C-alpha atoms as a PDB file:
ATOM      1  CA  UNK A   1      10.894  -8.911  -2.109  1.00  0.00           C
ATOM      2  CA  UNK A   2       9.382  -9.193   1.321  1.00  0.00           C
ATOM      3  CA  UNK A   3      11.415 -11.104   3.861  1.00  0.00           C
ATOM      4  CA  UNK A   4      14.695 -10.824   1.970  1.00  0.00           C
ATOM      5  CA  UNK A   5      17.645  -9.254   3.736  1.00  0.00           C
ATOM      6  CA  UNK A   6      20.354  -7.523   1.759  1.00  0.00           C
ATOM      7  CA  UNK A   7      23.846  -8.902   2.414  1.00  0.00           C
ATOM      8  CA  UNK A   8      27.010  -7.329   1.067  1.00  0.00           C
ATOM      9  CA  UNK A   9      29.750  -9.644  -0.108  1.00  0.00           C
ATOM     10  CA  UNK A  10      33.322  -8.715  -0.891  1.00  0.00           C
ATOM     11  CA  UNK A  11      34.848 -10.433  -3.871  1.00  0.00           C
ATOM     12  CA  UNK A  12      38.473  -9.590  -4.478  1.00  0.00           C
ATOM     13  CA  UNK A  13      38.915 -11.738  -7.567  1.00  0.00           C
ATOM     14  CA  UNK A  14      36.196 -10.871 -10.069  1.00  0.00           C
ATOM     15  CA  UNK A  15      34.565  -7.573  -9.172  1.00  0.00           C
ATOM     16  CA  UNK A  16      36.053  -4.710  -7.207  1.00  0.00           C
ATOM     17  CA  UNK A  17      34.204  -3.647  -4.074  1.00  0.00           C
ATOM     18  CA  UNK A  18      31.178  -5.138  -2.389  1.00  0.00           C
ATOM     19  CA  UNK A  19      27.982  -6.272  -4.065  1.00  0.00           C
ATOM     20  CA  UNK A  20      24.595  -6.995  -2.479  1.00  0.00           C
ATOM     21  CA  UNK A  21      22.990 -10.423  -2.373  1.00  0.00           C
ATOM     22  CA  UNK A  22      19.419 -11.132  -1.319  1.00  0.00           C
ATOM     23  CA  UNK A  23      18.648 -14.389   0.477  1.00  0.00           C
ATOM     24  CA  UNK A  24      15.357 -15.873   1.649  1.00  0.00           C
ATOM     25  CA  UNK A  25      14.246 -19.278   2.863  1.00  0.00           C
ATOM     26  CA  UNK A  26      16.644 -21.719   4.549  1.00  0.00           C
ATOM     27  CA  UNK A  27      19.802 -20.004   3.278  1.00  0.00           C
ATOM     28  CA  UNK A  28      18.550 -16.663   4.603  1.00  0.00           C
ATOM     29  CA  UNK A  29      17.777 -18.265   7.957  1.00  0.00           C
ATOM     30  CA  UNK A  30      21.280 -19.720   8.226  1.00  0.00           C
ATOM     31  CA  UNK A  31      22.918 -16.408   7.324  1.00  0.00           C
ATOM     32  CA  UNK A  32      20.739 -14.441   9.745  1.00  0.00           C
ATOM     33  CA  UNK A  33      21.463 -16.900  12.584  1.00  0.00           C
ATOM     34  CA  UNK A  34      25.208 -16.788  11.918  1.00  0.00           C
ATOM     35  CA  UNK A  35      25.120 -12.983  11.676  1.00  0.00           C
ATOM     36  CA  UNK A  36      23.667 -12.837  15.182  1.00  0.00           C
ATOM     37  CA  UNK A  37      26.212 -15.357  16.485  1.00  0.00           C
ATOM     38  CA  UNK A  38      29.175 -13.249  15.341  1.00  0.00           C
ATOM     39  CA  UNK A  39      27.633 -10.032  16.646  1.00  0.00           C
ATOM     40  CA  UNK A  40      27.206  -8.512  13.195  1.00  0.00           C
ATOM     41  CA  UNK A  41      30.958  -8.068  12.700  1.00  0.00           C
ATOM     42  CA  UNK A  42      33.672  -9.935  10.890  1.00  0.00           C
ATOM     43  CA  UNK A  43      33.376 -12.849   8.495  1.00  0.00           C
ATOM     44  CA  UNK A  44      30.261 -14.978   8.823  1.00  0.00           C
ATOM     45  CA  UNK A  45      32.092 -18.286   8.520  1.00  0.00           C
ATOM     46  CA  UNK A  46      35.862 -18.127   8.138  1.00  0.00           C
ATOM     47  CA  UNK A  47      38.671 -15.874   7.032  1.00  0.00           C
ATOM     48  CA  UNK A  48      40.253 -16.765   3.737  1.00  0.00           C
ATOM     49  CA  UNK A  49      43.958 -16.058   3.728  1.00  0.00           C
ATOM     50  CA  UNK A  50      46.167 -15.175   0.810  1.00  0.00           C
ATOM     51  CA  UNK A  51      46.426 -18.855  -0.140  1.00  0.00           C
ATOM     52  CA  UNK A  52      44.038 -20.205  -2.716  1.00  0.00           C
ATOM     53  CA  UNK A  53      43.400 -23.373  -0.726  1.00  0.00           C
ATOM     54  CA  UNK A  54      40.133 -23.930   1.079  1.00  0.00           C
ATOM     55  CA  UNK A  55      40.307 -23.148   4.788  1.00  0.00           C
ATOM     56  CA  UNK A  56      40.296 -26.214   7.029  1.00  0.00           C
ATOM     57  CA  UNK A  57      36.696 -25.598   8.152  1.00  0.00           C
ATOM     58  CA  UNK A  58      35.502 -25.655   4.549  1.00  0.00           C
ATOM     59  CA  UNK A  59      37.540 -28.775   3.749  1.00  0.00           C
ATOM     60  CA  UNK A  60      35.923 -30.545   6.694  1.00  0.00           C
ATOM     61  CA  UNK A  61      32.439 -29.340   5.688  1.00  0.00           C
ATOM     62  CA  UNK A  62      33.036 -30.586   2.124  1.00  0.00           C
ATOM     63  CA  UNK A  63      34.088 -33.998   3.408  1.00  0.00           C
ATOM     64  CA  UNK A  64      30.955 -34.192   5.579  1.00  0.00           C
ATOM     65  CA  UNK A  65      28.786 -33.176   2.621  1.00  0.00           C
ATOM     66  CA  UNK A  66      30.320 -35.896   0.442  1.00  0.00           C
ATOM     67  CA  UNK A  67      29.746 -38.470   3.186  1.00  0.00           C
ATOM     68  CA  UNK A  68      26.129 -37.419   3.797  1.00  0.00           C
ATOM     69  CA  UNK A  69      25.277 -37.232   0.095  1.00  0.00           C
ATOM     70  CA  UNK A  70      27.133 -40.384  -0.913  1.00  0.00           C
ATOM     71  CA  UNK A  71      28.695 -38.411  -3.791  1.00  0.00           C
ATOM     72  CA  UNK A  72      32.435 -39.017  -3.733  1.00  0.00           C
ATOM     73  CA  UNK A  73      33.350 -36.329  -6.267  1.00  0.00           C
ATOM     74  CA  UNK A  74      30.991 -33.534  -5.172  1.00  0.00           C
ATOM     75  CA  UNK A  75      32.286 -29.956  -5.021  1.00  0.00           C
ATOM     76  CA  UNK A  76      30.582 -26.764  -3.737  1.00  0.00           C
ATOM     77  CA  UNK A  77      30.968 -25.306  -7.235  1.00  0.00           C
ATOM     78  CA  UNK A  78      28.470 -27.946  -8.391  1.00  0.00           C
ATOM     79  CA  UNK A  79      25.770 -25.846  -6.706  1.00  0.00           C
ATOM     80  CA  UNK A  80      26.683 -22.911  -8.966  1.00  0.00           C
ATOM     81  CA  UNK A  81      26.542 -25.078 -12.092  1.00  0.00           C
ATOM     82  CA  UNK A  82      23.205 -26.537 -11.016  1.00  0.00           C
ATOM     83  CA  UNK A  83      21.718 -23.122 -10.271  1.00  0.00           C
ATOM     84  CA  UNK A  84      23.009 -21.676 -13.560  1.00  0.00           C
ATOM     85  CA  UNK A  85      21.434 -24.532 -15.519  1.00  0.00           C
ATOM     86  CA  UNK A  86      18.110 -24.087 -13.745  1.00  0.00           C
ATOM     87  CA  UNK A  87      18.161 -20.317 -14.265  1.00  0.00           C
ATOM     88  CA  UNK A  88      18.098 -21.011 -18.007  1.00  0.00           C
ATOM     89  CA  UNK A  89      15.318 -23.583 -17.587  1.00  0.00           C
ATOM     90  CA  UNK A  90      13.302 -21.023 -15.599  1.00  0.00           C
ATOM     91  CA  UNK A  91      13.576 -18.510 -18.443  1.00  0.00           C
ATOM     92  CA  UNK A  92      16.065 -16.194 -16.737  1.00  0.00           C
ATOM     93  CA  UNK A  93      17.980 -14.203 -19.355  1.00  0.00           C
ATOM     94  CA  UNK A  94      21.652 -14.938 -19.934  1.00  0.00           C
ATOM     95  CA  UNK A  95      22.729 -11.519 -18.672  1.00  0.00           C
ATOM     96  CA  UNK A  96      20.747 -11.868 -15.434  1.00  0.00           C
ATOM     97  CA  UNK A  97      21.891 -15.456 -14.842  1.00  0.00           C
ATOM     98  CA  UNK A  98      25.515 -14.435 -15.294  1.00  0.00           C
ATOM     99  CA  UNK A  99      25.007 -11.452 -12.982  1.00  0.00           C
ATOM    100  CA  UNK A 100      23.534 -13.786 -10.348  1.00  0.00           C
ATOM    101  CA  UNK A 101      26.774 -15.769 -10.382  1.00  0.00           C
ATOM    102  CA  UNK A 102      28.707 -12.490 -10.236  1.00  0.00           C
ATOM    103  CA  UNK A 103      30.539 -13.324 -13.445  1.00  0.00           C
ATOM    104  CA  UNK A 104      32.463 -10.373 -14.821  1.00  0.00           C
ATOM    105  CA  UNK A 105      31.211  -8.963 -18.098  1.00  0.00           C
ATOM    106  CA  UNK A 106      33.499  -9.007 -21.114  1.00  0.00           C
ATOM    107  CA  UNK A 107      35.660  -5.937 -21.622  1.00  0.00           C
ATOM    108  CA  UNK A 108      33.456  -4.282 -24.272  1.00  0.00           C
ATOM    109  CA  UNK A 109      30.187  -5.171 -22.545  1.00  0.00           C
ATOM    110  CA  UNK A 110      31.527  -3.931 -19.202  1.00  0.00           C
ATOM    111  CA  UNK A 111      32.431  -0.638 -20.861  1.00  0.00           C
ATOM    112  CA  UNK A 112      29.064  -0.019 -22.518  1.00  0.00           C
ATOM    113  CA  UNK A 113      26.561  -1.893 -20.370  1.00  0.00           C
ATOM    114  CA  UNK A 114      26.715  -0.542 -16.834  1.00  0.00           C
ATOM    115  CA  UNK A 115      23.302  -1.865 -15.827  1.00  0.00           C
ATOM    116  CA  UNK A 116      23.495  -4.206 -12.785  1.00  0.00           C
ATOM    117  CA  UNK A 117      20.149  -6.096 -13.091  1.00  0.00           C
ATOM    118  CA  UNK A 118      19.299  -5.874  -9.362  1.00  0.00           C
ATOM    119  CA  UNK A 119      15.512  -6.003  -9.825  1.00  0.00           C
ATOM    120  CA  UNK A 120      15.841  -8.866 -12.291  1.00  0.00           C
ATOM    121  CA  UNK A 121      18.227 -10.735  -9.972  1.00  0.00           C
ATOM    122  CA  UNK A 122      15.727 -10.500  -7.121  1.00  0.00           C
ATOM    123  CA  UNK A 123      12.931 -11.769  -9.382  1.00  0.00           C
ATOM    124  CA  UNK A 124      15.137 -14.644 -10.612  1.00  0.00           C
ATOM    125  CA  UNK A 125      16.054 -15.628  -7.044  1.00  0.00           C
ATOM    126  CA  UNK A 126      12.344 -15.644  -6.177  1.00  0.00           C
ATOM    127  CA  UNK A 127      11.754 -18.068  -9.090  1.00  0.00           C
ATOM    128  CA  UNK A 128      14.645 -20.241  -7.881  1.00  0.00           C
ATOM    129  CA  UNK A 129      13.257 -20.213  -4.341  1.00  0.00           C
ATOM    130  CA  UNK A 130       9.814 -21.267  -5.653  1.00  0.00           C
ATOM    131  CA  UNK A 131      11.413 -24.076  -7.660  1.00  0.00           C
ATOM    132  CA  UNK A 132      13.338 -25.376  -4.638  1.00  0.00           C
ATOM    133  CA  UNK A 133      10.293 -25.061  -2.357  1.00  0.00           C
ATOM    134  CA  UNK A 134       8.236 -27.010  -4.908  1.00  0.00           C
ATOM    135  CA  UNK A 135      10.822 -29.786  -5.032  1.00  0.00           C
ATOM    136  CA  UNK A 136      10.893 -29.900  -1.248  1.00  0.00           C
ATOM    137  CA  UNK A 137       7.069 -30.110  -1.128  1.00  0.00           C
ATOM    138  CA  UNK A 138       7.070 -32.938  -3.699  1.00  0.00           C
ATOM    139  CA  UNK A 139       9.599 -34.850  -1.631  1.00  0.00           C
ATOM    140  CA  UNK A 140       7.535 -34.386   1.558  1.00  0.00           C
ATOM    141  CA  UNK A 141       4.376 -35.554  -0.236  1.00  0.00           C
ATOM    142  CA  UNK A 142       6.132 -38.636  -1.629  1.00  0.00           C
ATOM    143  CA  UNK A 143       7.461 -39.645   1.805  1.00  0.00           C
END
């Protein structure tokens, strides 16, 4: 998709190695700006140590998000649940939606189905971007 930059993410917990993600719109802008700020090297936001606790910067950002949103029990993982629900509503197949969240396939499926769904993931993210842009346009019109 035009205008989408490929980012590689390392995920030590679920999938070995790096996997590409494609971002456009506001999220893409934020990532591109941060990439330039750090000179294209190192982590974009913070290093995560061997502890499973959120780094202080993320804890602070979560607190600010809860304050701004007025949602006392809001967690970043809520974005993943919301996106996953909307992927189904947008007609994205189960396999593609799960791949978008980088969920590991079951043992048998991972053995026999080696397809990675990259084209379908890009198409699904374009649908998600259209959905979010439409909601943003509705909000601007209503204001």
